[in-house]
Amino acid sequence: MSSPQLFVIIVAVPLTFAMTCLADDPPASLPSHVSNDSFVAVRLNDGHLTQGVVDGRTDEERLWLRVELPSTRLISGFRWTQIEEISPTSPPLMEPAPFIAPDLVSPLIPSVPELDELHTENPFEHRLTQPTIPHDPEYDPAHAIASIHIDAILANWDSDALQDGLLVRITALDDYGHAVPLRGSVDLTLIGRRFDPPSYRTRHFERRFLTLERWTVRLNPDNFLNDCTTIKLPYRRLSRIDDDILSPYARLHARLRVPGVGSFEAIDDNVLWSERSLSEFPLRQPFSAIDHLGLNP
């Protein structure tokens, strides 16, 4: 009886297949030359390169890299099967921008001819002959007066019931219509009109003009308020006048005199000077106001 024989079959496995199987197995831990919180460079299987600090959450499945910026933290994870190579490296240096000497920088705007050379006359162009000058508290406002305007009203400034005089607002304007303070003195004349009853020759009322009051007032810039200067003109003669045929309306003429500058004039043609005269005047309806008397006081 023959003894049994043992047959051994050897199967040859390609070396490349064995190495691929070993590479697919994830490492149990980081390589010995890499540790947590170390800065590494990683090359992926697809050829991409990335860098970062090894984060503490790295495990057997993924490698976690942390990139920190002044205001941002970015954490990325890569499977070990995606990684081809990992090696420690130095973090990049943040260097300031290089200094460029001013003489090496070209000018932003090339030189251009003078503006006067580029200007051409336009017959339809309107130019201001003088610039608009803002108000300066240090300059003398009297030199800026171009015109004055007056407005008078009947007023009572004591405890009785009778009217005491006129309250006059004087407004001085410069060349640009700005109100300016006043100084100097102002002469004011109140001119009324009187109607004489018709005679056998005229058969109608005759109108005569007469001076009712005169005042001279010295002005102070400290009295300038709300863009005007207000003055009081008390009655002296009119308080004693008892004339039923005087019109209740009169003209007020003002002449402002500013030393070293000149004089300025203004007129208010519709000044109600007496309520008593208004109630007693028999012909008040046809003569409600004086319009453009054409007088030179």
Protein backbone atom coordinates (compact mmCIF):
# COMPACT_ATOMS: atom_id res chain seq x y z
CA MET A 1 0.00 0.00 0.00
CA SER A 2 1.43 3.22 -1.16
CA SER A 3 1.83 6.19 1.22
CA PRO A 4 -0.31 9.36 0.59
CA GLN A 5 1.35 12.30 -1.20
CA LEU A 6 0.99 16.00 -0.22
CA PHE A 7 0.57 18.47 -2.99
CA VAL A 8 1.21 22.21 -2.35
CA ILE A 9 -0.22 24.73 -4.78
CA ILE A 10 1.45 28.14 -4.82
CA VAL A 11 -0.54 30.99 -6.33
CA ALA A 12 1.46 34.01 -7.46
CA VAL A 13 -0.16 37.33 -6.53
CA PRO A 14 1.00 40.47 -8.40
CA LEU A 15 3.05 42.82 -6.22
CA THR A 16 1.20 45.92 -7.42
CA PHE A 17 -2.13 44.51 -6.22
CA ALA A 18 -0.72 43.83 -2.77
CA MET A 19 0.68 47.39 -2.46
CA THR A 20 -2.67 48.91 -3.51
CA CYS A 21 -4.49 46.98 -0.83
CA LEU A 22 -2.03 48.19 1.78
CA ALA A 23 -2.40 51.80 0.68
CA ASP A 24 -6.19 51.71 0.98
CA ASP A 25 -6.02 50.87 4.66
CA PRO A 26 -6.15 54.07 6.75
CA PRO A 27 -3.31 54.63 9.18
CA ALA A 28 -4.06 54.00 12.79
CA SER A 29 -2.56 57.40 13.76
CA LEU A 30 -0.56 60.33 12.38
CA PRO A 31 2.87 59.67 10.95
CA SER A 32 5.63 59.75 13.53
CA HIS A 33 7.06 62.96 12.11
CA VAL A 34 3.69 64.80 12.36
CA SER A 35 1.94 65.81 15.60
CA ASN A 36 -1.15 67.75 16.60
CA ASP A 37 -0.98 71.55 16.25
CA SER A 38 1.87 71.22 13.78
CA PHE A 39 1.77 73.03 10.45
CA VAL A 40 1.77 70.54 7.57
CA ALA A 41 1.56 70.46 3.80
CA VAL A 42 -0.77 67.85 2.30
CA ARG A 43 -0.75 66.57 -1.28
CA LEU A 44 -4.00 64.92 -2.37
CA ASN A 45 -4.46 62.14 -4.88
CA ASP A 46 -5.96 64.53 -7.43
CA GLY A 47 -2.83 66.69 -7.33
CA HIS A 48 -4.16 69.51 -5.17
CA LEU A 49 -1.99 70.95 -2.40
CA THR A 50 -3.26 72.34 0.89
CA GLN A 51 -1.70 73.58 4.13
CA GLY A 52 -2.85 74.05 7.68
CA VAL A 53 -2.46 73.20 11.34
CA VAL A 54 -3.35 69.64 12.37
CA ASP A 55 -6.50 69.95 14.46
CA GLY A 56 -7.14 67.87 17.59
CA ARG A 57 -10.26 66.26 16.14
CA THR A 58 -8.14 64.24 13.64
CA ASP A 59 -9.04 60.51 13.95
CA GLU A 60 -8.68 57.23 12.05
CA GLU A 61 -11.14 58.35 9.36
CA ARG A 62 -10.15 61.93 8.57
CA LEU A 63 -7.31 64.39 8.81
CA TRP A 64 -8.57 67.77 10.00
CA LEU A 65 -6.63 70.94 9.11
CA ARG A 66 -7.20 74.32 10.71
CA VAL A 67 -6.44 77.66 9.08
CA GLU A 68 -6.72 80.75 11.28
CA LEU A 69 -7.00 84.32 10.06
CA PRO A 70 -7.33 87.51 12.15
CA SER A 71 -11.14 87.35 12.03
CA THR A 72 -11.87 83.86 10.61
CA ARG A 73 -11.15 80.20 11.45
CA LEU A 74 -11.50 77.62 8.66
CA ILE A 75 -11.48 73.85 9.44
CA SER A 76 -11.38 71.26 6.62
CA GLY A 77 -11.47 67.46 6.77
CA PHE A 78 -9.86 65.00 4.32
CA ARG A 79 -10.28 61.22 4.24
CA TRP A 80 -7.01 59.34 4.59
CA THR A 81 -7.75 57.60 1.29
CA GLN A 82 -7.59 61.03 -0.43
CA ILE A 83 -4.14 61.85 0.92
CA GLU A 84 -1.04 60.97 -1.07
CA GLU A 85 1.61 62.68 1.05
CA ILE A 86 1.75 64.64 4.30
CA SER A 87 4.82 66.45 5.58
CA PRO A 88 5.57 69.19 8.13
CA THR A 89 6.41 72.64 6.82
CA SER A 90 6.72 76.24 7.98
CA PRO A 91 3.73 78.61 7.93
CA PRO A 92 3.83 81.39 5.34
CA LEU A 93 5.18 84.76 6.45
CA MET A 94 2.85 87.75 6.22
CA GLU A 95 5.12 90.48 4.89
CA PRO A 96 4.04 94.11 4.44
CA ALA A 97 3.63 95.51 0.97
CA PRO A 98 6.91 96.73 -0.47
CA PHE A 99 7.54 100.47 -0.28
CA ILE A 100 7.53 102.26 -3.61
CA ALA A 101 9.40 105.52 -3.78
CA PRO A 102 7.22 108.49 -4.86
CA ASP A 103 9.53 109.30 -7.74
CA LEU A 104 8.86 105.85 -9.21
CA VAL A 105 5.07 106.39 -9.29
CA SER A 106 3.62 107.98 -12.40
CA PRO A 107 1.18 110.88 -11.88
CA LEU A 108 -2.50 109.94 -11.82
CA ILE A 109 -3.58 112.93 -13.91
CA PRO A 110 -1.41 114.23 -16.73
CA SER A 111 -0.64 117.91 -16.82
CA VAL A 112 -3.25 120.02 -18.63
CA PRO A 113 -3.12 123.55 -20.04
CA GLU A 114 -4.25 126.45 -17.91
CA LEU A 115 -8.01 126.81 -17.54
CA ASP A 116 -7.90 130.33 -18.99
CA GLU A 117 -6.49 128.93 -22.23
CA LEU A 118 -9.30 126.40 -22.50
CA HIS A 119 -12.07 128.98 -21.93
CA THR A 120 -13.88 130.35 -24.96
CA GLU A 121 -16.24 133.30 -24.86
CA ASN A 122 -19.92 132.43 -24.96
CA PRO A 123 -22.26 135.33 -25.84
CA PHE A 124 -25.10 133.62 -23.93
CA GLU A 125 -23.08 133.14 -20.76
CA HIS A 126 -24.05 135.23 -17.74
CA ARG A 127 -21.34 136.00 -15.25
CA LEU A 128 -21.57 137.55 -11.81
CA THR A 129 -19.54 140.75 -11.63
CA GLN A 130 -19.11 140.36 -7.87
CA PRO A 131 -18.96 137.23 -5.71
CA THR A 132 -21.57 136.65 -3.04
CA ILE A 133 -19.83 137.61 0.20
CA PRO A 134 -21.12 135.95 3.40
CA HIS A 135 -21.79 138.06 6.45
CA ASP A 136 -18.67 138.84 8.45
CA PRO A 137 -19.25 140.23 11.97
CA GLU A 138 -16.00 142.20 11.77
CA TYR A 139 -16.86 144.35 8.74
CA ASP A 140 -18.78 147.63 9.07
CA PRO A 141 -22.42 146.91 8.12
CA ALA A 142 -23.10 150.58 7.33
CA HIS A 143 -20.89 150.37 4.25
CA ALA A 144 -23.06 147.50 2.93
CA ILE A 145 -26.38 149.42 2.92
CA ALA A 146 -27.94 149.62 -0.53
CA SER A 147 -31.53 150.63 0.32
CA ILE A 148 -33.92 151.07 3.23
CA HIS A 149 -37.63 150.28 3.67
CA ILE A 150 -40.06 151.55 6.30
CA ASP A 151 -43.39 150.31 7.65
CA ALA A 152 -45.39 152.41 10.16
CA ILE A 153 -48.39 151.42 12.29
CA LEU A 154 -50.49 153.29 14.83
CA ALA A 155 -49.52 152.22 18.35
CA ASN A 156 -50.32 152.72 22.02
CA TRP A 157 -47.49 152.02 24.49
CA ASP A 158 -48.91 153.33 27.79
CA SER A 159 -51.87 152.50 30.06
CA ASP A 160 -54.49 154.89 28.63
CA ALA A 161 -56.82 154.26 25.70
CA LEU A 162 -55.46 156.95 23.38
CA GLN A 163 -52.98 156.23 20.62
CA ASP A 164 -49.53 157.56 21.49
CA GLY A 165 -47.81 157.66 18.12
CA LEU A 166 -46.33 155.55 15.35
CA LEU A 167 -44.26 152.40 15.63
CA VAL A 168 -41.87 152.32 12.66
CA ARG A 169 -39.85 149.35 11.44
CA ILE A 170 -36.81 150.29 9.35
CA THR A 171 -35.19 147.55 7.28
CA ALA A 172 -31.81 148.12 5.62
CA LEU A 173 -30.69 145.75 2.84
CA ASP A 174 -27.33 145.23 1.18
CA ASP A 175 -26.69 144.55 -2.51
CA TYR A 176 -27.76 140.90 -2.11
CA GLY A 177 -30.97 141.51 -0.14
CA HIS A 178 -29.53 140.67 3.28
CA ALA A 179 -30.73 142.70 6.26
CA VAL A 180 -27.95 144.66 7.99
CA PRO A 181 -27.86 146.71 11.23
CA LEU A 182 -28.24 150.48 11.16
CA ARG A 183 -26.29 153.35 12.66
CA GLY A 184 -26.46 157.09 12.21
CA SER A 185 -29.65 159.18 12.43
CA VAL A 186 -32.95 159.23 10.59
CA ASP A 187 -35.20 162.24 9.88
CA LEU A 188 -38.91 161.44 9.55
CA THR A 189 -41.71 163.68 8.31
CA LEU A 190 -45.43 162.86 8.46
CA ILE A 191 -47.36 164.64 5.69
CA GLY A 192 -51.17 164.77 5.84
CA ARG A 193 -53.87 166.12 3.58
CA ARG A 194 -56.77 168.40 4.41
CA PHE A 195 -59.97 168.81 2.45
CA ASP A 196 -61.60 172.25 2.54
CA PRO A 197 -65.37 172.31 2.00
CA PRO A 198 -66.47 173.32 -1.51
CA SER A 199 -66.96 177.02 -2.14
CA TYR A 200 -69.30 178.77 -4.53
CA ARG A 201 -66.44 178.93 -7.04
CA THR A 202 -64.85 175.45 -6.84
CA ARG A 203 -67.94 173.30 -6.06
CA HIS A 204 -65.66 170.48 -4.87
CA PHE A 205 -63.31 169.74 -2.01
CA GLU A 206 -59.90 171.32 -2.34
CA ARG A 207 -57.02 169.12 -1.21
CA ARG A 208 -54.16 170.71 0.63
CA PHE A 209 -51.02 169.03 2.00
CA LEU A 210 -49.51 169.95 5.34
CA THR A 211 -46.76 168.72 7.63
CA LEU A 212 -48.23 167.00 10.67
CA GLU A 213 -45.09 165.93 12.61
CA ARG A 214 -41.30 165.85 12.35
CA TRP A 215 -38.88 163.59 14.23
CA THR A 216 -35.13 162.97 14.34
CA VAL A 217 -34.00 159.69 15.89
CA ARG A 218 -30.48 158.43 16.47
CA LEU A 219 -30.07 154.73 15.58
CA ASN A 220 -27.99 152.18 17.46
CA PRO A 221 -26.89 148.82 15.97
CA ASP A 222 -27.79 147.21 19.31
CA ASN A 223 -31.49 147.81 18.50
CA PHE A 224 -31.24 145.52 15.44
CA LEU A 225 -33.65 142.61 16.01
CA ASN A 226 -35.49 140.22 13.65
CA ASP A 227 -33.78 141.76 10.59
CA CYS A 228 -35.05 145.29 11.32
CA THR A 229 -34.67 148.30 13.62
CA THR A 230 -37.86 149.42 15.40
CA ILE A 231 -38.33 152.99 16.71
CA LYS A 232 -41.15 154.88 18.44
CA LEU A 233 -42.42 158.22 17.10
CA PRO A 234 -44.53 159.87 19.84
CA TYR A 235 -47.12 162.45 18.85
CA ARG A 236 -46.45 166.02 20.00
CA ARG A 237 -48.57 168.24 17.74
CA LEU A 238 -51.14 165.70 16.60
CA SER A 239 -52.37 165.12 20.13
CA ARG A 240 -53.65 168.74 20.09
CA ILE A 241 -55.03 168.80 16.54
CA ASP A 242 -58.82 168.89 16.31
CA ASP A 243 -59.60 169.01 12.62
CA ASP A 244 -62.47 166.92 11.30
CA ILE A 245 -61.50 167.38 7.65
CA LEU A 246 -58.03 165.88 7.95
CA SER A 247 -57.67 162.58 6.13
CA PRO A 248 -56.93 159.67 8.48
CA TYR A 249 -54.14 158.54 6.15
CA ALA A 250 -50.81 160.26 5.64
CA ARG A 251 -47.42 159.80 4.08
CA LEU A 252 -44.30 159.09 6.15
CA HIS A 253 -41.00 160.11 4.60
CA ALA A 254 -37.69 158.88 6.06
CA ARG A 255 -34.13 160.02 5.29
CA LEU A 256 -31.33 157.95 6.85
CA ARG A 257 -27.97 159.69 7.25
CA VAL A 258 -24.90 157.52 7.83
CA PRO A 259 -21.67 159.48 8.54
CA GLY A 260 -18.99 158.78 5.98
CA VAL A 261 -21.36 156.74 3.79
CA GLY A 262 -24.27 158.89 2.59
CA SER A 263 -28.04 159.19 2.89
CA PHE A 264 -30.89 156.83 2.00
CA GLU A 265 -34.61 157.59 1.62
CA ALA A 266 -37.84 155.61 1.93
CA ILE A 267 -41.59 156.39 1.91
CA ASP A 268 -44.69 154.75 3.36
CA ASP A 269 -47.72 156.21 1.52
CA ASN A 270 -50.42 154.46 3.54
CA VAL A 271 -49.98 155.38 7.21
CA LEU A 272 -53.10 155.38 9.39
CA TRP A 273 -52.20 158.03 11.95
CA SER A 274 -55.45 158.43 13.94
CA GLU A 275 -58.43 156.20 14.72
CA ARG A 276 -60.41 159.22 15.91
CA SER A 277 -59.97 160.90 12.58
CA LEU A 278 -61.00 157.69 10.82
CA SER A 279 -64.30 157.54 12.70
CA GLU A 280 -65.14 161.24 12.38
CA PHE A 281 -63.92 162.02 8.87
CA PRO A 282 -67.12 162.57 6.80
CA LEU A 283 -65.57 161.62 3.44
CA ARG A 284 -63.49 158.67 4.56
CA GLN A 285 -64.83 156.29 1.89
CA PRO A 286 -63.54 158.13 -1.23
CA PHE A 287 -60.23 158.90 0.41
CA SER A 288 -59.19 155.61 2.00
CA ALA A 289 -55.49 156.14 1.28
CA ILE A 290 -52.95 158.48 -0.25
CA ASP A 291 -51.35 156.95 -3.32
CA HIS A 292 -48.23 158.54 -4.75
CA LEU A 293 -48.68 162.09 -3.55
CA GLY A 294 -45.72 163.24 -5.60
CA LEU A 295 -44.46 165.53 -2.86
CA ASN A 296 -40.87 166.27 -1.89
CA PRO A 297 -40.91 167.02 1.84
